[in-house]
Amino acid sequence: ISLFDDPKLSETVLDSITYMRNKGICVF
C-alpha cells in the first residue's frame, strides 16, 4: 500500500528515524 505518498505519513517515518538516532542508533 502506498502510504508514504502522503507527506504527513512520510514525516512520521522521518521523525521516528530521527528519534532512533537520538537514542544512539547510527543512521548512515
PDB file of all heavy atoms in Angstrom:
ATOM      1  N   ILE A   1       0.849  -1.199   0.000  1.00  0.00           N
ATOM      2  CA  ILE A   1       0.000   0.000   0.000  1.00  0.00           C
ATOM      3  C   ILE A   1       0.885   1.249   0.000  1.00  0.00           C
ATOM      4  O   ILE A   1       1.836   1.352   0.760  1.00  0.00           O
ATOM      5  CB  ILE A   1      -0.937   0.018   1.228  1.00  0.00           C
ATOM      6  CG1 ILE A   1      -1.888  -1.192   1.188  1.00  0.00           C
ATOM      7  CG2 ILE A   1      -1.731   1.317   1.297  1.00  0.00           C
ATOM      8  CD1 ILE A   1      -2.692  -1.373   2.459  1.00  0.00           C
ATOM      9  N   SER A   2       0.540   2.201  -0.827  1.00  0.00           N
ATOM     10  CA  SER A   2       1.319   3.442  -0.966  1.00  0.00           C
ATOM     11  C   SER A   2       0.947   4.458   0.112  1.00  0.00           C
ATOM     12  O   SER A   2       0.362   5.498  -0.171  1.00  0.00           O
ATOM     13  CB  SER A   2       1.095   4.043  -2.358  1.00  0.00           C
ATOM     14  OG  SER A   2       1.606   3.202  -3.338  1.00  0.00           O
ATOM     15  N   LEU A   3       1.350   4.185   1.339  1.00  0.00           N
ATOM     16  CA  LEU A   3       1.044   5.095   2.437  1.00  0.00           C
ATOM     17  C   LEU A   3       1.863   6.374   2.387  1.00  0.00           C
ATOM     18  O   LEU A   3       1.384   7.444   2.746  1.00  0.00           O
ATOM     19  CB  LEU A   3       1.317   4.414   3.786  1.00  0.00           C
ATOM     20  CG  LEU A   3       0.334   3.377   4.267  1.00  0.00           C
ATOM     21  CD1 LEU A   3       0.781   2.823   5.615  1.00  0.00           C
ATOM     22  CD2 LEU A   3      -1.060   3.972   4.389  1.00  0.00           C
ATOM     23  N   PHE A   4       3.105   6.273   1.954  1.00  0.00           N
ATOM     24  CA  PHE A   4       4.026   7.387   2.095  1.00  0.00           C
ATOM     25  C   PHE A   4       3.984   8.364   0.931  1.00  0.00           C
ATOM     26  O   PHE A   4       4.830   9.244   0.828  1.00  0.00           O
ATOM     27  CB  PHE A   4       5.435   6.872   2.371  1.00  0.00           C
ATOM     28  CG  PHE A   4       5.459   5.941   3.554  1.00  0.00           C
ATOM     29  CD1 PHE A   4       6.020   4.684   3.451  1.00  0.00           C
ATOM     30  CD2 PHE A   4       4.872   6.305   4.752  1.00  0.00           C
ATOM     31  CE1 PHE A   4       6.018   3.823   4.524  1.00  0.00           C
ATOM     32  CE2 PHE A   4       4.856   5.444   5.839  1.00  0.00           C
ATOM     33  CZ  PHE A   4       5.435   4.192   5.729  1.00  0.00           C
ATOM     34  N   ASP A   5       2.953   8.246   0.102  1.00  0.00           N
ATOM     35  CA  ASP A   5       2.657   9.308  -0.857  1.00  0.00           C
ATOM     36  C   ASP A   5       2.130  10.526  -0.103  1.00  0.00           C
ATOM     37  O   ASP A   5       2.199  11.635  -0.594  1.00  0.00           O
ATOM     38  CB  ASP A   5       1.591   8.853  -1.861  1.00  0.00           C
ATOM     39  CG  ASP A   5       2.132   7.837  -2.852  1.00  0.00           C
ATOM     40  OD1 ASP A   5       3.363   7.667  -2.930  1.00  0.00           O
ATOM     41  OD2 ASP A   5       1.313   7.209  -3.547  1.00  0.00           O
ATOM     42  N   ASP A   6       1.593  10.272   1.074  1.00  0.00           N
ATOM     43  CA  ASP A   6       1.062  11.324   1.937  1.00  0.00           C
ATOM     44  C   ASP A   6       2.217  11.909   2.747  1.00  0.00           C
ATOM     45  O   ASP A   6       2.840  11.212   3.549  1.00  0.00           O
ATOM     46  CB  ASP A   6       0.011  10.715   2.873  1.00  0.00           C
ATOM     47  CG  ASP A   6      -0.644  11.729   3.785  1.00  0.00           C
ATOM     48  OD1 ASP A   6       0.021  12.695   4.197  1.00  0.00           O
ATOM     49  OD2 ASP A   6      -1.827  11.529   4.106  1.00  0.00           O
ATOM     50  N   PRO A   7       2.539  13.187   2.544  1.00  0.00           N
ATOM     51  CA  PRO A   7       3.684  13.801   3.241  1.00  0.00           C
ATOM     52  C   PRO A   7       3.620  13.703   4.765  1.00  0.00           C
ATOM     53  O   PRO A   7       4.639  13.533   5.413  1.00  0.00           O
ATOM     54  CB  PRO A   7       3.639  15.260   2.796  1.00  0.00           C
ATOM     55  CG  PRO A   7       2.893  15.253   1.507  1.00  0.00           C
ATOM     56  CD  PRO A   7       1.904  14.122   1.613  1.00  0.00           C
ATOM     57  N   LYS A   8       2.429  13.783   5.354  1.00  0.00           N
ATOM     58  CA  LYS A   8       2.307  13.679   6.811  1.00  0.00           C
ATOM     59  C   LYS A   8       2.735  12.301   7.301  1.00  0.00           C
ATOM     60  O   LYS A   8       3.368  12.169   8.354  1.00  0.00           O
ATOM     61  CB  LYS A   8       0.866  13.945   7.255  1.00  0.00           C
ATOM     62  CG  LYS A   8       0.596  15.366   7.590  1.00  0.00           C
ATOM     63  CD  LYS A   8       1.359  15.737   8.836  1.00  0.00           C
ATOM     64  CE  LYS A   8       0.914  17.046   9.397  1.00  0.00           C
ATOM     65  NZ  LYS A   8       1.953  17.726  10.131  1.00  0.00           N
ATOM     66  N   LEU A   9       2.388  11.263   6.541  1.00  0.00           N
ATOM     67  CA  LEU A   9       2.752   9.908   6.940  1.00  0.00           C
ATOM     68  C   LEU A   9       4.249   9.664   6.757  1.00  0.00           C
ATOM     69  O   LEU A   9       4.881   9.016   7.594  1.00  0.00           O
ATOM     70  CB  LEU A   9       1.927   8.879   6.160  1.00  0.00           C
ATOM     71  CG  LEU A   9       0.400   9.001   6.326  1.00  0.00           C
ATOM     72  CD1 LEU A   9      -0.314   7.913   5.551  1.00  0.00           C
ATOM     73  CD2 LEU A   9      -0.011   8.996   7.780  1.00  0.00           C
ATOM     74  N   SER A  10       4.817  10.200   5.685  1.00  0.00           N
ATOM     75  CA  SER A  10       6.265  10.040   5.494  1.00  0.00           C
ATOM     76  C   SER A  10       7.039  10.861   6.532  1.00  0.00           C
ATOM     77  O   SER A  10       8.106  10.443   6.984  1.00  0.00           O
ATOM     78  CB  SER A  10       6.686  10.391   4.068  1.00  0.00           C
ATOM     79  OG  SER A  10       6.294  11.682   3.714  1.00  0.00           O
ATOM     80  N   GLU A  11       6.492  11.990   6.955  1.00  0.00           N
ATOM     81  CA  GLU A  11       7.124  12.778   8.029  1.00  0.00           C
ATOM     82  C   GLU A  11       7.169  11.979   9.327  1.00  0.00           C
ATOM     83  O   GLU A  11       8.131  12.086  10.097  1.00  0.00           O
ATOM     84  CB  GLU A  11       6.358  14.080   8.265  1.00  0.00           C
ATOM     85  CG  GLU A  11       6.645  15.154   7.254  1.00  0.00           C
ATOM     86  CD  GLU A  11       5.782  16.395   7.474  1.00  0.00           C
ATOM     87  OE1 GLU A  11       5.443  16.704   8.644  1.00  0.00           O
ATOM     88  OE2 GLU A  11       5.450  17.039   6.469  1.00  0.00           O
ATOM     89  N   THR A  12       6.136  11.192   9.579  1.00  0.00           N
ATOM     90  CA  THR A  12       6.110  10.334  10.764  1.00  0.00           C
ATOM     91  C   THR A  12       7.288   9.368  10.741  1.00  0.00           C
ATOM     92  O   THR A  12       7.950   9.151  11.756  1.00  0.00           O
ATOM     93  CB  THR A  12       4.779   9.555  10.829  1.00  0.00           C
ATOM     94  OG1 THR A  12       3.713  10.492  10.973  1.00  0.00           O
ATOM     95  CG2 THR A  12       4.758   8.571  11.984  1.00  0.00           C
ATOM     96  N   VAL A  13       7.567   8.803   9.587  1.00  0.00           N
ATOM     97  CA  VAL A  13       8.696   7.879   9.445  1.00  0.00           C
ATOM     98  C   VAL A  13      10.012   8.620   9.671  1.00  0.00           C
ATOM     99  O   VAL A  13      10.887   8.156  10.408  1.00  0.00           O
ATOM    100  CB  VAL A  13       8.673   7.189   8.061  1.00  0.00           C
ATOM    101  CG1 VAL A  13       9.946   6.408   7.803  1.00  0.00           C
ATOM    102  CG2 VAL A  13       7.455   6.279   7.948  1.00  0.00           C
ATOM    103  N   LEU A  14      10.155   9.785   9.068  1.00  0.00           N
ATOM    104  CA  LEU A  14      11.388  10.563   9.233  1.00  0.00           C
ATOM    105  C   LEU A  14      11.592  10.984  10.693  1.00  0.00           C
ATOM    106  O   LEU A  14      12.709  10.903  11.214  1.00  0.00           O
ATOM    107  CB  LEU A  14      11.363  11.791   8.324  1.00  0.00           C
ATOM    108  CG  LEU A  14      11.437  11.502   6.830  1.00  0.00           C
ATOM    109  CD1 LEU A  14      11.183  12.774   6.032  1.00  0.00           C
ATOM    110  CD2 LEU A  14      12.768  10.884   6.457  1.00  0.00           C
ATOM    111  N   ASP A  15      10.526  11.401  11.356  1.00  0.00           N
ATOM    112  CA  ASP A  15      10.623  11.766  12.770  1.00  0.00           C
ATOM    113  C   ASP A  15      11.064  10.567  13.610  1.00  0.00           C
ATOM    114  O   ASP A  15      11.852  10.712  14.557  1.00  0.00           O
ATOM    115  CB  ASP A  15       9.278  12.290  13.298  1.00  0.00           C
ATOM    116  CG  ASP A  15       8.908  13.654  12.739  1.00  0.00           C
ATOM    117  OD1 ASP A  15       9.784  14.338  12.158  1.00  0.00           O
ATOM    118  OD2 ASP A  15       7.720  14.033  12.878  1.00  0.00           O
ATOM    119  N   SER A  16      10.587   9.392  13.268  1.00  0.00           N
ATOM    120  CA  SER A  16      10.937   8.188  14.019  1.00  0.00           C
ATOM    121  C   SER A  16      12.371   7.749  13.751  1.00  0.00           C
ATOM    122  O   SER A  16      13.035   7.219  14.644  1.00  0.00           O
ATOM    123  CB  SER A  16       9.959   7.058  13.682  1.00  0.00           C
ATOM    124  OG  SER A  16       8.668   7.409  14.137  1.00  0.00           O
ATOM    125  N   ILE A  17      12.864   7.975  12.542  1.00  0.00           N
ATOM    126  CA  ILE A  17      14.274   7.703  12.247  1.00  0.00           C
ATOM    127  C   ILE A  17      15.141   8.638  13.089  1.00  0.00           C
ATOM    128  O   ILE A  17      16.131   8.215  13.696  1.00  0.00           O
ATOM    129  CB  ILE A  17      14.573   7.866  10.741  1.00  0.00           C
ATOM    130  CG1 ILE A  17      13.870   6.772   9.929  1.00  0.00           C
ATOM    131  CG2 ILE A  17      16.088   7.821  10.482  1.00  0.00           C
ATOM    132  CD1 ILE A  17      13.919   6.990   8.422  1.00  0.00           C
ATOM    133  N   THR A  18      14.747   9.900  13.164  1.00  0.00           N
ATOM    134  CA  THR A  18      15.472  10.872  13.988  1.00  0.00           C
ATOM    135  C   THR A  18      15.454  10.463  15.453  1.00  0.00           C
ATOM    136  O   THR A  18      16.475  10.541  16.153  1.00  0.00           O
ATOM    137  CB  THR A  18      14.868  12.280  13.810  1.00  0.00           C
ATOM    138  OG1 THR A  18      15.020  12.669  12.446  1.00  0.00           O
ATOM    139  CG2 THR A  18      15.537  13.298  14.716  1.00  0.00           C
ATOM    140  N   TYR A  19      14.325  10.006  15.926  1.00  0.00           N
ATOM    141  CA  TYR A  19      14.212   9.562  17.316  1.00  0.00           C
ATOM    142  C   TYR A  19      15.174   8.409  17.589  1.00  0.00           C
ATOM    143  O   TYR A  19      15.875   8.394  18.608  1.00  0.00           O
ATOM    144  CB  TYR A  19      12.766   9.151  17.629  1.00  0.00           C
ATOM    145  CG  TYR A  19      12.574   8.689  19.047  1.00  0.00           C
ATOM    146  CD1 TYR A  19      12.435   9.610  20.079  1.00  0.00           C
ATOM    147  CD2 TYR A  19      12.551   7.338  19.352  1.00  0.00           C
ATOM    148  CE1 TYR A  19      12.270   9.198  21.394  1.00  0.00           C
ATOM    149  CE2 TYR A  19      12.389   6.907  20.671  1.00  0.00           C
ATOM    150  CZ  TYR A  19      12.252   7.836  21.678  1.00  0.00           C
ATOM    151  OH  TYR A  19      12.096   7.421  22.983  1.00  0.00           O
ATOM    152  N   MET A  20      15.213   7.417  16.672  1.00  0.00           N
ATOM    153  CA  MET A  20      16.138   6.290  16.822  1.00  0.00           C
ATOM    154  C   MET A  20      17.573   6.794  16.902  1.00  0.00           C
ATOM    155  O   MET A  20      18.368   6.329  17.715  1.00  0.00           O
ATOM    156  CB  MET A  20      16.015   5.324  15.628  1.00  0.00           C
ATOM    157  CG  MET A  20      15.226   4.106  15.898  1.00  0.00           C
ATOM    158  SD  MET A  20      15.416   2.765  14.684  1.00  0.00           S
ATOM    159  CE  MET A  20      15.640   3.529  13.129  1.00  0.00           C
ATOM    160  N   ARG A  21      17.886   7.734  16.046  1.00  0.00           N
ATOM    161  CA  ARG A  21      19.240   8.298  16.026  1.00  0.00           C
ATOM    162  C   ARG A  21      19.548   8.992  17.349  1.00  0.00           C
ATOM    163  O   ARG A  21      20.639   8.851  17.901  1.00  0.00           O
ATOM    164  CB  ARG A  21      19.382   9.278  14.866  1.00  0.00           C
ATOM    165  CG  ARG A  21      20.787   9.773  14.673  1.00  0.00           C
ATOM    166  CD  ARG A  21      20.915  10.563  13.364  1.00  0.00           C
ATOM    167  NE  ARG A  21      22.263  11.061  13.237  1.00  0.00           N
ATOM    168  CZ  ARG A  21      22.657  12.257  13.675  1.00  0.00           C
ATOM    169  NH1 ARG A  21      21.795  13.083  14.231  1.00  0.00           N
ATOM    170  NH2 ARG A  21      23.914  12.637  13.538  1.00  0.00           N
ATOM    171  N   ASN A  22      18.585   9.705  17.892  1.00  0.00           N
ATOM    172  CA  ASN A  22      18.770  10.373  19.178  1.00  0.00           C
ATOM    173  C   ASN A  22      18.912   9.383  20.337  1.00  0.00           C
ATOM    174  O   ASN A  22      19.420   9.737  21.393  1.00  0.00           O
ATOM    175  CB  ASN A  22      17.618  11.337  19.463  1.00  0.00           C
ATOM    176  CG  ASN A  22      17.623  12.528  18.536  1.00  0.00           C
ATOM    177  OD1 ASN A  22      18.639  12.874  17.936  1.00  0.00           O
ATOM    178  ND2 ASN A  22      16.471  13.155  18.384  1.00  0.00           N
ATOM    179  N   LYS A  23      18.471   8.156  20.124  1.00  0.00           N
ATOM    180  CA  LYS A  23      18.594   7.102  21.140  1.00  0.00           C
ATOM    181  C   LYS A  23      19.868   6.271  20.961  1.00  0.00           C
ATOM    182  O   LYS A  23      20.020   5.220  21.564  1.00  0.00           O
ATOM    183  CB  LYS A  23      17.367   6.176  21.098  1.00  0.00           C
ATOM    184  CG  LYS A  23      16.108   6.824  21.615  1.00  0.00           C
ATOM    185  CD  LYS A  23      16.255   7.155  23.072  1.00  0.00           C
ATOM    186  CE  LYS A  23      15.008   7.709  23.680  1.00  0.00           C
ATOM    187  NZ  LYS A  23      15.179   8.061  25.074  1.00  0.00           N
ATOM    188  N   GLY A  24      20.779   6.731  20.085  1.00  0.00           N
ATOM    189  CA  GLY A  24      22.076   6.075  19.963  1.00  0.00           C
ATOM    190  C   GLY A  24      22.264   5.184  18.758  1.00  0.00           C
ATOM    191  O   GLY A  24      23.315   4.554  18.613  1.00  0.00           O
ATOM    192  N   ILE A  25      21.285   5.092  17.888  1.00  0.00           N
ATOM    193  CA  ILE A  25      21.429   4.299  16.671  1.00  0.00           C
ATOM    194  C   ILE A  25      22.070   5.174  15.596  1.00  0.00           C
ATOM    195  O   ILE A  25      21.606   6.285  15.340  1.00  0.00           O
ATOM    196  CB  ILE A  25      20.060   3.768  16.179  1.00  0.00           C
ATOM    197  CG1 ILE A  25      19.426   2.859  17.235  1.00  0.00           C
ATOM    198  CG2 ILE A  25      20.195   3.055  14.835  1.00  0.00           C
ATOM    199  CD1 ILE A  25      20.239   1.636  17.601  1.00  0.00           C
ATOM    200  N   CYS A  26      23.149   4.691  14.988  1.00  0.00           N
ATOM    201  CA  CYS A  26      23.784   5.413  13.883  1.00  0.00           C
ATOM    202  C   CYS A  26      22.966   5.172  12.618  1.00  0.00           C
ATOM    203  O   CYS A  26      22.686   4.032  12.264  1.00  0.00           O
ATOM    204  CB  CYS A  26      25.208   4.927  13.664  1.00  0.00           C
ATOM    205  SG  CYS A  26      26.324   5.384  14.997  1.00  0.00           S
ATOM    206  N   VAL A  27      22.565   6.239  11.975  1.00  0.00           N
ATOM    207  CA  VAL A  27      21.807   6.171  10.727  1.00  0.00           C
ATOM    208  C   VAL A  27      22.730   6.681   9.624  1.00  0.00           C
ATOM    209  O   VAL A  27      23.003   7.867   9.535  1.00  0.00           O
ATOM    210  CB  VAL A  27      20.515   7.023  10.798  1.00  0.00           C
ATOM    211  CG1 VAL A  27      19.775   6.983   9.463  1.00  0.00           C
ATOM    212  CG2 VAL A  27      19.621   6.559  11.934  1.00  0.00           C
ATOM    213  N   PHE A  28      23.207   5.753   8.792  1.00  0.00           N
ATOM    214  CA  PHE A  28      24.143   6.099   7.730  1.00  0.00           C
ATOM    215  C   PHE A  28      23.443   6.444   6.422  1.00  0.00           C
ATOM    216  O   PHE A  28      23.947   7.228   5.632  1.00  0.00           O
ATOM    217  CB  PHE A  28      25.129   4.955   7.488  1.00  0.00           C
ATOM    218  CG  PHE A  28      25.956   4.628   8.696  1.00  0.00           C
ATOM    219  CD1 PHE A  28      25.859   3.393   9.308  1.00  0.00           C
ATOM    220  CD2 PHE A  28      26.834   5.557   9.235  1.00  0.00           C
ATOM    221  CE1 PHE A  28      26.618   3.084  10.415  1.00  0.00           C
ATOM    222  CE2 PHE A  28      27.600   5.262  10.359  1.00  0.00           C
ATOM    223  CZ  PHE A  28      27.489   4.017  10.947  1.00  0.00           C
TER     224      PHE A  28
END
